[in-house]
Amino acid sequence: MFNVLERQRRTSCRNMLGSKGGRLLFGFILVLFALLASAAVDVEPSHYSMPFNRTSFPPGFIFGAGLAAYQSEGAALVHGRGPSIWDTFTREHPEKISDGSNGNVANDFYNHYKEDIKLIKKIGLDSFRFSFSWSRILPKGTVKGGVNQEGVNFYNNLIDELLSNGIVPFVTLFHWDTPQALEDEYGGFLSPKIVNDFQDYANFCFKTFGDRIKHWVTLNEPVTYCVDGYNGGTYAPGRCSNYVGNCTAGNSATEPYIVGHHLLLAHAHAVKIYRHKYQVGTLSKCASFHYHVFICFKIVHGYIISRLFHMKYSIVFI
């Protein structure tokens, strides 16, 4: 069905642009656009004279910045941190990283967070969202496997430094960096076993840091993790079918949905335990969205876009 509609769309576009009238119309539009662009060079748009500052936003609007643990912290091989799937991915597949780099040092936020917080304060931001490195807190991925106190101390110091500078911390529990120990043991988010381990990890974080953290994010952009990690194989753990990309293992037809299911269960378990034992702040997940349009629009294309949006976002992760 989709292939038929796609052929119809292409035919429609070719017919529109291929006819003499279509070419004349297209040429007229280009000329008109060029004239308008040149005429507007010396004319300041009216919205340029409008003020654009904090008063342009509703009261209580929060301005902030954010980062992810693996992308910024560095200190990947020291102070008791266990490896995550991103450590393995960048080591074994440097060709999938544009510059072949890894997170061993990254932005070295681990050693320079006080300087960065000063910059955040200088800019005038209200908040700062960062993620915990699951394997920095629990090197083997589980509470029973042992807690890395050095990792706990780092996040305690980071949180206290933010608060002392008047910056509200927002914490993400999972930003795609599954502990490698759990990936090795049972396949990470491909296994339902991870749901209880994530719940224990979340509970530990709520209990340890919840006296100061009032804004929690369970999962960062779960759609991206499923699609790029298990369909295209371009993100850790780099799994996909042979017909999709250069992956050593994976099934692009099934694994993204299996992982998505377990992510939702993990989120639900974390929410349940937070509501029953803590409930002193906000808790949600962070979703990413893409807007889809057809070049040549027809009613049937609108139906396809609607179905695509609901399949990719609403039904699965909202």
C-alpha atoms as a PDB file:
ATOM      1  CA  MET A   1       0.000   0.000   0.000  1.00  0.00           C
ATOM      2  CA  PHE A   2       2.730   2.422   1.002  1.00  0.00           C
ATOM      3  CA  ASN A   3       4.719   1.722  -2.195  1.00  0.00           C
ATOM      4  CA  VAL A   4       1.642   2.431  -4.320  1.00  0.00           C
ATOM      5  CA  LEU A   5       1.023   5.714  -2.505  1.00  0.00           C
ATOM      6  CA  GLU A   6       4.676   6.673  -2.838  1.00  0.00           C
ATOM      7  CA  ARG A   7       4.572   6.076  -6.613  1.00  0.00           C
ATOM      8  CA  GLN A   8       1.416   8.176  -6.824  1.00  0.00           C
ATOM      9  CA  ARG A   9       3.112  10.959  -4.882  1.00  0.00           C
ATOM     10  CA  ARG A  10       6.148  10.947  -7.163  1.00  0.00           C
ATOM     11  CA  THR A  11       3.980  10.875 -10.276  1.00  0.00           C
ATOM     12  CA  SER A  12       1.918  13.755  -8.935  1.00  0.00           C
ATOM     13  CA  CYS A  13       5.040  15.812  -8.233  1.00  0.00           C
ATOM     14  CA  ARG A  14       6.550  15.038 -11.643  1.00  0.00           C
ATOM     15  CA  ASN A  15       3.308  15.929 -13.393  1.00  0.00           C
ATOM     16  CA  MET A  16       3.061  19.197 -11.534  1.00  0.00           C
ATOM     17  CA  LEU A  17       6.656  20.268 -12.228  1.00  0.00           C
ATOM     18  CA  GLY A  18       6.979  18.565 -15.593  1.00  0.00           C
ATOM     19  CA  SER A  19       4.156  20.373 -17.374  1.00  0.00           C
ATOM     20  CA  LYS A  20       4.779  23.656 -19.190  1.00  0.00           C
ATOM     21  CA  GLY A  21       2.427  25.488 -16.857  1.00  0.00           C
ATOM     22  CA  GLY A  22       4.104  23.927 -13.856  1.00  0.00           C
ATOM     23  CA  ARG A  23       7.547  25.012 -15.035  1.00  0.00           C
ATOM     24  CA  LEU A  24       6.324  28.556 -15.641  1.00  0.00           C
ATOM     25  CA  LEU A  25       4.726  28.672 -12.204  1.00  0.00           C
ATOM     26  CA  PHE A  26       7.876  27.329 -10.577  1.00  0.00           C
ATOM     27  CA  GLY A  27       9.998  29.914 -12.402  1.00  0.00           C
ATOM     28  CA  PHE A  28       7.638  32.714 -11.399  1.00  0.00           C
ATOM     29  CA  ILE A  29       7.846  31.671  -7.747  1.00  0.00           C
ATOM     30  CA  LEU A  30      11.651  31.695  -7.848  1.00  0.00           C
ATOM     31  CA  VAL A  31      11.745  35.156  -9.428  1.00  0.00           C
ATOM     32  CA  LEU A  32       9.199  36.477  -6.934  1.00  0.00           C
ATOM     33  CA  PHE A  33      11.169  35.034  -4.030  1.00  0.00           C
ATOM     34  CA  ALA A  34      14.392  36.636  -5.305  1.00  0.00           C
ATOM     35  CA  LEU A  35      12.706  40.039  -5.695  1.00  0.00           C
ATOM     36  CA  LEU A  36      11.205  39.900  -2.223  1.00  0.00           C
ATOM     37  CA  ALA A  37      14.517  38.856  -0.709  1.00  0.00           C
ATOM     38  CA  SER A  38      16.420  41.697  -2.395  1.00  0.00           C
ATOM     39  CA  ALA A  39      13.747  44.245  -1.496  1.00  0.00           C
ATOM     40  CA  ALA A  40      13.872  43.237   2.148  1.00  0.00           C
ATOM     41  CA  VAL A  41      17.610  43.793   2.553  1.00  0.00           C
ATOM     42  CA  ASP A  42      17.258  47.421   3.668  1.00  0.00           C
ATOM     43  CA  VAL A  43      13.969  46.985   5.502  1.00  0.00           C
ATOM     44  CA  GLU A  44      14.143  45.944   9.136  1.00  0.00           C
ATOM     45  CA  PRO A  45      11.447  43.360   9.912  1.00  0.00           C
ATOM     46  CA  SER A  46       8.917  44.657  12.405  1.00  0.00           C
ATOM     47  CA  HIS A  47       9.625  41.863  14.878  1.00  0.00           C
ATOM     48  CA  TYR A  48      13.262  43.011  15.166  1.00  0.00           C
ATOM     49  CA  SER A  49      12.113  46.043  17.127  1.00  0.00           C
ATOM     50  CA  MET A  50      10.162  43.920  19.600  1.00  0.00           C
ATOM     51  CA  PRO A  51      11.874  43.195  22.940  1.00  0.00           C
ATOM     52  CA  PHE A  52      13.059  39.633  23.396  1.00  0.00           C
ATOM     53  CA  ASN A  53      14.052  38.847  26.946  1.00  0.00           C
ATOM     54  CA  ARG A  54      12.691  37.076  30.009  1.00  0.00           C
ATOM     55  CA  THR A  55       9.579  39.239  29.963  1.00  0.00           C
ATOM     56  CA  SER A  56       8.724  37.657  26.595  1.00  0.00           C
ATOM     57  CA  PHE A  57       8.024  34.389  28.407  1.00  0.00           C
ATOM     58  CA  PRO A  58       5.324  33.451  30.928  1.00  0.00           C
ATOM     59  CA  PRO A  59       6.065  33.875  34.649  1.00  0.00           C
ATOM     60  CA  GLY A  60       7.829  30.823  36.023  1.00  0.00           C
ATOM     61  CA  PHE A  61       9.341  29.827  32.667  1.00  0.00           C
ATOM     62  CA  ILE A  62      12.592  27.973  33.364  1.00  0.00           C
ATOM     63  CA  PHE A  63      15.704  28.628  31.299  1.00  0.00           C
ATOM     64  CA  GLY A  64      18.360  25.953  31.430  1.00  0.00           C
ATOM     65  CA  ALA A  65      21.015  23.842  29.778  1.00  0.00           C
ATOM     66  CA  GLY A  66      21.827  20.171  29.911  1.00  0.00           C
ATOM     67  CA  LEU A  67      24.273  17.397  29.181  1.00  0.00           C
ATOM     68  CA  ALA A  68      24.624  13.620  29.236  1.00  0.00           C
ATOM     69  CA  ALA A  69      27.079  11.739  31.429  1.00  0.00           C
ATOM     70  CA  TYR A  70      28.963   9.833  28.744  1.00  0.00           C
ATOM     71  CA  GLN A  71      29.134  12.803  26.387  1.00  0.00           C
ATOM     72  CA  SER A  72      30.617  15.162  28.951  1.00  0.00           C
ATOM     73  CA  GLU A  73      31.964  13.662  32.170  1.00  0.00           C
ATOM     74  CA  GLY A  74      35.099  11.869  31.059  1.00  0.00           C
ATOM     75  CA  ALA A  75      36.964  10.097  33.894  1.00  0.00           C
ATOM     76  CA  ALA A  76      35.635   6.899  32.371  1.00  0.00           C
ATOM     77  CA  LEU A  77      38.463   4.673  33.543  1.00  0.00           C
ATOM     78  CA  VAL A  78      39.049   6.006  37.052  1.00  0.00           C
ATOM     79  CA  HIS A  79      37.462   6.344  40.485  1.00  0.00           C
ATOM     80  CA  GLY A  80      35.576   3.068  40.414  1.00  0.00           C
ATOM     81  CA  ARG A  81      33.331   3.662  37.416  1.00  0.00           C
ATOM     82  CA  GLY A  82      32.283   0.524  35.551  1.00  0.00           C
ATOM     83  CA  PRO A  83      32.084   0.442  31.735  1.00  0.00           C
ATOM     84  CA  SER A  84      28.857   1.186  29.891  1.00  0.00           C
ATOM     85  CA  ILE A  85      27.771   0.020  26.458  1.00  0.00           C
ATOM     86  CA  TRP A  86      29.080   3.295  25.034  1.00  0.00           C
ATOM     87  CA  ASP A  87      32.588   2.541  26.264  1.00  0.00           C
ATOM     88  CA  THR A  88      32.442  -0.785  24.455  1.00  0.00           C
ATOM     89  CA  PHE A  89      30.820   0.669  21.345  1.00  0.00           C
ATOM     90  CA  THR A  90      33.361   3.457  20.847  1.00  0.00           C
ATOM     91  CA  ARG A  91      36.266   1.094  21.506  1.00  0.00           C
ATOM     92  CA  GLU A  92      35.107  -1.657  19.165  1.00  0.00           C
ATOM     93  CA  HIS A  93      33.531   0.523  16.466  1.00  0.00           C
ATOM     94  CA  PRO A  94      35.464   3.800  16.201  1.00  0.00           C
ATOM     95  CA  GLU A  95      34.462   3.903  12.525  1.00  0.00           C
ATOM     96  CA  LYS A  96      30.902   4.670  13.634  1.00  0.00           C
ATOM     97  CA  ILE A  97      32.059   7.817  15.442  1.00  0.00           C
ATOM     98  CA  SER A  98      32.690  10.715  13.048  1.00  0.00           C
ATOM     99  CA  ASP A  99      36.093  11.569  14.506  1.00  0.00           C
ATOM    100  CA  GLY A 100      36.820   8.185  16.073  1.00  0.00           C
ATOM    101  CA  SER A 101      36.798   9.652  19.580  1.00  0.00           C
ATOM    102  CA  ASN A 102      35.430   8.205  22.819  1.00  0.00           C
ATOM    103  CA  GLY A 103      34.254   9.358  26.232  1.00  0.00           C
ATOM    104  CA  ASN A 104      37.385   8.596  28.219  1.00  0.00           C
ATOM    105  CA  VAL A 105      38.002  12.320  28.646  1.00  0.00           C
ATOM    106  CA  ALA A 106      35.138  13.961  26.722  1.00  0.00           C
ATOM    107  CA  ASN A 107      34.610  17.524  28.062  1.00  0.00           C
ATOM    108  CA  ASP A 108      36.225  16.502  31.356  1.00  0.00           C
ATOM    109  CA  PHE A 109      33.177  17.768  33.223  1.00  0.00           C
ATOM    110  CA  TYR A 110      34.064  15.378  36.050  1.00  0.00           C
ATOM    111  CA  ASN A 111      37.122  17.485  36.881  1.00  0.00           C
ATOM    112  CA  HIS A 112      35.858  20.908  35.792  1.00  0.00           C
ATOM    113  CA  TYR A 113      32.217  20.979  36.885  1.00  0.00           C
ATOM    114  CA  LYS A 114      32.784  23.897  39.282  1.00  0.00           C
ATOM    115  CA  GLU A 115      34.118  26.049  36.447  1.00  0.00           C
ATOM    116  CA  ASP A 116      31.204  25.046  34.222  1.00  0.00           C
ATOM    117  CA  ILE A 117      28.688  25.877  36.938  1.00  0.00           C
ATOM    118  CA  LYS A 118      30.208  29.351  37.235  1.00  0.00           C
ATOM    119  CA  LEU A 119      29.592  29.797  33.505  1.00  0.00           C
ATOM    120  CA  ILE A 120      26.000  28.586  33.885  1.00  0.00           C
ATOM    121  CA  LYS A 121      25.455  31.149  36.622  1.00  0.00           C
ATOM    122  CA  LYS A 122      27.144  33.890  34.603  1.00  0.00           C
ATOM    123  CA  ILE A 123      24.855  33.231  31.640  1.00  0.00           C
ATOM    124  CA  GLY A 124      21.889  33.607  33.971  1.00  0.00           C
ATOM    125  CA  LEU A 125      20.300  30.191  33.572  1.00  0.00           C
ATOM    126  CA  ASP A 126      17.822  28.902  36.144  1.00  0.00           C
ATOM    127  CA  SER A 127      18.414  25.179  35.854  1.00  0.00           C
ATOM    128  CA  PHE A 128      20.798  22.491  34.730  1.00  0.00           C
ATOM    129  CA  ARG A 129      19.840  18.997  33.571  1.00  0.00           C
ATOM    130  CA  PHE A 130      22.431  16.257  33.707  1.00  0.00           C
ATOM    131  CA  SER A 131      22.346  12.490  33.757  1.00  0.00           C
ATOM    132  CA  PHE A 132      23.725  10.056  36.266  1.00  0.00           C
ATOM    133  CA  SER A 133      26.131   7.500  34.873  1.00  0.00           C
ATOM    134  CA  TRP A 134      24.430   4.289  35.987  1.00  0.00           C
ATOM    135  CA  SER A 135      27.746   2.426  35.950  1.00  0.00           C
ATOM    136  CA  ARG A 136      29.544   5.167  37.892  1.00  0.00           C
ATOM    137  CA  ILE A 137      27.122   4.647  40.767  1.00  0.00           C
ATOM    138  CA  LEU A 138      26.653   0.884  40.326  1.00  0.00           C
ATOM    139  CA  PRO A 139      29.684  -0.459  38.410  1.00  0.00           C
ATOM    140  CA  LYS A 140      28.083  -3.880  37.944  1.00  0.00           C
ATOM    141  CA  GLY A 141      24.662  -2.422  37.264  1.00  0.00           C
ATOM    142  CA  THR A 142      22.974  -3.708  40.423  1.00  0.00           C
ATOM    143  CA  VAL A 143      22.775  -2.588  44.036  1.00  0.00           C
ATOM    144  CA  LYS A 144      23.722  -6.056  45.222  1.00  0.00           C
ATOM    145  CA  GLY A 145      26.782  -5.872  42.962  1.00  0.00           C
ATOM    146  CA  GLY A 146      28.111  -2.980  45.011  1.00  0.00           C
ATOM    147  CA  VAL A 147      27.858   0.804  45.220  1.00  0.00           C
ATOM    148  CA  ASN A 148      30.762   2.974  44.082  1.00  0.00           C
ATOM    149  CA  GLN A 149      31.006   5.577  46.830  1.00  0.00           C
ATOM    150  CA  GLU A 150      33.346   7.765  44.784  1.00  0.00           C
ATOM    151  CA  GLY A 151      30.652   8.050  42.138  1.00  0.00           C
ATOM    152  CA  VAL A 152      28.036   8.893  44.763  1.00  0.00           C
ATOM    153  CA  ASN A 153      30.356  11.531  46.222  1.00  0.00           C
ATOM    154  CA  PHE A 154      30.840  13.121  42.808  1.00  0.00           C
ATOM    155  CA  TYR A 155      27.111  13.544  42.238  1.00  0.00           C
ATOM    156  CA  ASN A 156      26.561  14.769  45.793  1.00  0.00           C
ATOM    157  CA  ASN A 157      29.219  17.429  45.275  1.00  0.00           C
ATOM    158  CA  LEU A 158      27.810  18.362  41.861  1.00  0.00           C
ATOM    159  CA  ILE A 159      24.285  18.750  43.241  1.00  0.00           C
ATOM    160  CA  ASP A 160      25.465  20.800  46.216  1.00  0.00           C
ATOM    161  CA  GLU A 161      27.534  23.062  43.964  1.00  0.00           C
ATOM    162  CA  LEU A 162      24.534  23.738  41.725  1.00  0.00           C
ATOM    163  CA  LEU A 163      22.265  24.531  44.657  1.00  0.00           C
ATOM    164  CA  SER A 164      24.825  26.802  46.305  1.00  0.00           C
ATOM    165  CA  ASN A 165      24.879  28.820  43.073  1.00  0.00           C
ATOM    166  CA  GLY A 166      21.103  29.080  42.914  1.00  0.00           C
ATOM    167  CA  ILE A 167      20.748  26.642  40.015  1.00  0.00           C
ATOM    168  CA  VAL A 168      17.972  24.045  40.108  1.00  0.00           C
ATOM    169  CA  PRO A 169      19.207  20.532  39.219  1.00  0.00           C
ATOM    170  CA  PHE A 170      17.189  18.262  36.929  1.00  0.00           C
ATOM    171  CA  VAL A 171      18.466  14.673  36.902  1.00  0.00           C
ATOM    172  CA  THR A 172      18.111  12.033  34.182  1.00  0.00           C
ATOM    173  CA  LEU A 173      18.470   8.448  35.367  1.00  0.00           C
ATOM    174  CA  PHE A 174      19.121   6.855  31.979  1.00  0.00           C
ATOM    175  CA  HIS A 175      20.688   8.540  28.964  1.00  0.00           C
ATOM    176  CA  TRP A 176      21.398   5.441  26.833  1.00  0.00           C
ATOM    177  CA  ASP A 177      24.423   4.220  28.837  1.00  0.00           C
ATOM    178  CA  THR A 178      23.393   0.763  30.045  1.00  0.00           C
ATOM    179  CA  PRO A 179      26.063  -0.799  32.288  1.00  0.00           C
ATOM    180  CA  GLN A 180      28.126  -3.205  30.209  1.00  0.00           C
ATOM    181  CA  ALA A 181      27.857  -5.761  33.021  1.00  0.00           C
ATOM    182  CA  LEU A 182      24.094  -6.042  32.432  1.00  0.00           C
ATOM    183  CA  GLU A 183      24.566  -6.112  28.663  1.00  0.00           C
ATOM    184  CA  ASP A 184      26.962  -9.034  29.091  1.00  0.00           C
ATOM    185  CA  GLU A 185      24.821 -10.852  31.637  1.00  0.00           C
ATOM    186  CA  TYR A 186      21.439 -10.855  29.897  1.00  0.00           C
ATOM    187  CA  GLY A 187      21.472  -8.476  26.920  1.00  0.00           C
ATOM    188  CA  GLY A 188      20.565  -5.250  28.671  1.00  0.00           C
ATOM    189  CA  PHE A 189      17.198  -3.845  27.620  1.00  0.00           C
ATOM    190  CA  LEU A 190      16.549  -6.853  25.407  1.00  0.00           C
ATOM    191  CA  SER A 191      15.769  -8.766  28.594  1.00  0.00           C
ATOM    192  CA  PRO A 192      12.894  -8.211  31.038  1.00  0.00           C
ATOM    193  CA  LYS A 193      15.423  -8.764  33.827  1.00  0.00           C
ATOM    194  CA  ILE A 194      16.570  -5.186  33.432  1.00  0.00           C
ATOM    195  CA  VAL A 195      13.245  -3.832  34.670  1.00  0.00           C
ATOM    196  CA  ASN A 196      13.879  -4.815  38.291  1.00  0.00           C
ATOM    197  CA  ASP A 197      17.518  -3.771  38.109  1.00  0.00           C
ATOM    198  CA  PHE A 198      16.490  -0.346  36.814  1.00  0.00           C
ATOM    199  CA  GLN A 199      13.894  -0.086  39.567  1.00  0.00           C
ATOM    200  CA  ASP A 200      16.541  -0.824  42.209  1.00  0.00           C
ATOM    201  CA  TYR A 201      18.886   1.719  40.635  1.00  0.00           C
ATOM    202  CA  ALA A 202      16.133   4.353  40.548  1.00  0.00           C
ATOM    203  CA  ASN A 203      15.156   3.620  44.144  1.00  0.00           C
ATOM    204  CA  PHE A 204      18.772   4.025  45.258  1.00  0.00           C
ATOM    205  CA  CYS A 205      18.991   7.395  43.490  1.00  0.00           C
ATOM    206  CA  PHE A 206      15.675   8.627  44.893  1.00  0.00           C
ATOM    207  CA  LYS A 207      16.761   7.654  48.403  1.00  0.00           C
ATOM    208  CA  THR A 208      20.314   8.987  48.125  1.00  0.00           C
ATOM    209  CA  PHE A 209      19.787  12.254  46.257  1.00  0.00           C
ATOM    210  CA  GLY A 210      16.057  12.923  46.614  1.00  0.00           C
ATOM    211  CA  ASP A 211      16.455  15.292  49.548  1.00  0.00           C
ATOM    212  CA  ARG A 212      17.870  17.815  47.048  1.00  0.00           C
ATOM    213  CA  ILE A 213      16.635  16.643  43.645  1.00  0.00           C
ATOM    214  CA  LYS A 214      12.999  17.568  43.038  1.00  0.00           C
ATOM    215  CA  HIS A 215      12.910  17.103  39.265  1.00  0.00           C
ATOM    216  CA  TRP A 216      13.592  13.657  37.812  1.00  0.00           C
ATOM    217  CA  VAL A 217      13.678  12.291  34.261  1.00  0.00           C
ATOM    218  CA  THR A 218      13.575   8.495  34.073  1.00  0.00           C
ATOM    219  CA  LEU A 219      14.488   8.040  30.393  1.00  0.00           C
ATOM    220  CA  ASN A 220      16.032  10.388  27.876  1.00  0.00           C
ATOM    221  CA  GLU A 221      14.549  10.120  24.365  1.00  0.00           C
ATOM    222  CA  PRO A 222      13.684   6.413  24.422  1.00  0.00           C
ATOM    223  CA  VAL A 223      12.676   6.439  20.735  1.00  0.00           C
ATOM    224  CA  THR A 224      16.198   7.477  19.752  1.00  0.00           C
ATOM    225  CA  TYR A 225      17.721   4.744  21.894  1.00  0.00           C
ATOM    226  CA  CYS A 226      15.501   2.095  20.279  1.00  0.00           C
ATOM    227  CA  VAL A 227      15.867   3.262  16.686  1.00  0.00           C
ATOM    228  CA  ASP A 228      19.551   4.173  16.572  1.00  0.00           C
ATOM    229  CA  GLY A 229      20.739   1.489  18.958  1.00  0.00           C
ATOM    230  CA  TYR A 230      18.683  -1.473  17.732  1.00  0.00           C
ATOM    231  CA  ASN A 231      17.392  -0.603  14.263  1.00  0.00           C
ATOM    232  CA  GLY A 232      20.183   1.338  12.548  1.00  0.00           C
ATOM    233  CA  GLY A 233      23.058   0.258  14.752  1.00  0.00           C
ATOM    234  CA  THR A 234      24.605   3.731  14.716  1.00  0.00           C
ATOM    235  CA  TYR A 235      24.402   4.169  18.501  1.00  0.00           C
ATOM    236  CA  ALA A 236      25.402   1.793  21.281  1.00  0.00           C
ATOM    237  CA  PRO A 237      24.945  -1.121  21.535  1.00  0.00           C
ATOM    238  CA  GLY A 238      25.148  -1.047  17.723  1.00  0.00           C
ATOM    239  CA  ARG A 239      22.679  -3.801  16.855  1.00  0.00           C
ATOM    240  CA  CYS A 240      20.822  -4.165  13.556  1.00  0.00           C
ATOM    241  CA  SER A 241      19.959  -6.604  10.786  1.00  0.00           C
ATOM    242  CA  ASN A 242      22.516  -7.249   8.048  1.00  0.00           C
ATOM    243  CA  TYR A 243      20.329  -5.584   5.439  1.00  0.00           C
ATOM    244  CA  VAL A 244      20.238  -2.356   7.474  1.00  0.00           C
ATOM    245  CA  GLY A 245      23.853  -1.707   8.358  1.00  0.00           C
ATOM    246  CA  ASN A 246      27.246  -2.996   9.360  1.00  0.00           C
ATOM    247  CA  CYS A 247      26.330  -4.738  12.616  1.00  0.00           C
ATOM    248  CA  THR A 248      27.678  -7.963  14.074  1.00  0.00           C
ATOM    249  CA  ALA A 249      24.299  -8.920  15.557  1.00  0.00           C
ATOM    250  CA  GLY A 250      20.722  -7.765  15.897  1.00  0.00           C
ATOM    251  CA  ASN A 251      17.254  -7.863  14.378  1.00  0.00           C
ATOM    252  CA  SER A 252      15.913  -4.524  13.188  1.00  0.00           C
ATOM    253  CA  ALA A 253      12.414  -5.931  12.752  1.00  0.00           C
ATOM    254  CA  THR A 254      11.910  -6.985  16.370  1.00  0.00           C
ATOM    255  CA  GLU A 255      14.530  -5.678  18.778  1.00  0.00           C
ATOM    256  CA  PRO A 256      13.546  -1.974  18.760  1.00  0.00           C
ATOM    257  CA  TYR A 257      10.055  -2.966  19.909  1.00  0.00           C
ATOM    258  CA  ILE A 258      11.305  -5.404  22.544  1.00  0.00           C
ATOM    259  CA  VAL A 259      13.631  -2.759  23.947  1.00  0.00           C
ATOM    260  CA  GLY A 260      10.870  -0.153  23.808  1.00  0.00           C
ATOM    261  CA  HIS A 261       8.572  -2.434  25.778  1.00  0.00           C
ATOM    262  CA  HIS A 262      11.159  -2.971  28.498  1.00  0.00           C
ATOM    263  CA  LEU A 263      11.947   0.744  28.622  1.00  0.00           C
ATOM    264  CA  LEU A 264       8.289   1.486  29.270  1.00  0.00           C
ATOM    265  CA  LEU A 265       8.137  -1.163  31.983  1.00  0.00           C
ATOM    266  CA  ALA A 266      11.290   0.231  33.586  1.00  0.00           C
ATOM    267  CA  HIS A 267       9.801   3.731  33.510  1.00  0.00           C
ATOM    268  CA  ALA A 268       6.532   2.493  35.007  1.00  0.00           C
ATOM    269  CA  HIS A 269       8.298   0.670  37.838  1.00  0.00           C
ATOM    270  CA  ALA A 270      10.365   3.746  38.665  1.00  0.00           C
ATOM    271  CA  VAL A 271       7.273   5.962  38.658  1.00  0.00           C
ATOM    272  CA  LYS A 272       5.373   3.544  40.886  1.00  0.00           C
ATOM    273  CA  ILE A 273       8.099   3.338  43.498  1.00  0.00           C
ATOM    274  CA  TYR A 274       8.567   7.123  43.462  1.00  0.00           C
ATOM    275  CA  ARG A 275       4.876   7.769  43.989  1.00  0.00           C
ATOM    276  CA  HIS A 276       4.551   5.233  46.783  1.00  0.00           C
ATOM    277  CA  LYS A 277       7.766   5.943  48.703  1.00  0.00           C
ATOM    278  CA  TYR A 278       8.817   9.500  47.867  1.00  0.00           C
ATOM    279  CA  GLN A 279       6.525  11.789  45.840  1.00  0.00           C
ATOM    280  CA  VAL A 280       8.227  15.028  46.794  1.00  0.00           C
ATOM    281  CA  GLY A 281       8.902  16.329  43.295  1.00  0.00           C
ATOM    282  CA  THR A 282       8.214  15.868  39.598  1.00  0.00           C
ATOM    283  CA  LEU A 283       8.978  12.755  37.588  1.00  0.00           C
ATOM    284  CA  SER A 284       8.660  12.177  33.852  1.00  0.00           C
ATOM    285  CA  LYS A 285      10.530  11.047  30.759  1.00  0.00           C
ATOM    286  CA  CYS A 286      12.046  13.185  28.017  1.00  0.00           C
ATOM    287  CA  ALA A 287      10.739  12.571  24.489  1.00  0.00           C
ATOM    288  CA  SER A 288      12.142  13.726  21.148  1.00  0.00           C
ATOM    289  CA  PHE A 289       9.876  14.557  18.219  1.00  0.00           C
ATOM    290  CA  HIS A 290      10.294  14.982  14.474  1.00  0.00           C
ATOM    291  CA  TYR A 291       7.801  16.760  12.242  1.00  0.00           C
ATOM    292  CA  HIS A 292       6.951  14.850   9.058  1.00  0.00           C
ATOM    293  CA  VAL A 293       5.632  16.457   5.850  1.00  0.00           C
ATOM    294  CA  PHE A 294       5.159  15.344   2.244  1.00  0.00           C
ATOM    295  CA  ILE A 295       6.561  17.477  -0.574  1.00  0.00           C
ATOM    296  CA  CYS A 296       3.292  17.204  -2.488  1.00  0.00           C
ATOM    297  CA  PHE A 297       0.405  17.020  -0.049  1.00  0.00           C
ATOM    298  CA  LYS A 298      -2.832  15.114  -0.547  1.00  0.00           C
ATOM    299  CA  ILE A 299      -5.454  13.923   1.925  1.00  0.00           C
ATOM    300  CA  VAL A 300      -4.055  10.398   1.845  1.00  0.00           C
ATOM    301  CA  HIS A 301      -0.601  11.742   2.691  1.00  0.00           C
ATOM    302  CA  GLY A 302      -2.028  13.430   5.766  1.00  0.00           C
ATOM    303  CA  TYR A 303      -3.404  10.069   6.837  1.00  0.00           C
ATOM    304  CA  ILE A 304       0.010   8.440   6.417  1.00  0.00           C
ATOM    305  CA  ILE A 305       1.714  11.211   8.398  1.00  0.00           C
ATOM    306  CA  SER A 306      -0.837  10.828  11.175  1.00  0.00           C
ATOM    307  CA  ARG A 307      -0.307   7.074  11.291  1.00  0.00           C
ATOM    308  CA  LEU A 308       3.478   7.518  11.284  1.00  0.00           C
ATOM    309  CA  PHE A 309       3.366  10.012  14.135  1.00  0.00           C
ATOM    310  CA  HIS A 310       1.086   7.868  16.284  1.00  0.00           C
ATOM    311  CA  MET A 311       3.063   4.711  15.598  1.00  0.00           C
ATOM    312  CA  LYS A 312       6.408   6.326  16.361  1.00  0.00           C
ATOM    313  CA  TYR A 313       5.443   8.453  19.331  1.00  0.00           C
ATOM    314  CA  SER A 314       1.914   8.477  20.736  1.00  0.00           C
ATOM    315  CA  ILE A 315       1.189   4.759  20.896  1.00  0.00           C
ATOM    316  CA  VAL A 316       4.682   3.724  21.917  1.00  0.00           C
ATOM    317  CA  PHE A 317       6.102   6.354  24.233  1.00  0.00           C
ATOM    318  CA  ILE A 318       3.436   8.849  25.284  1.00  0.00           C
END
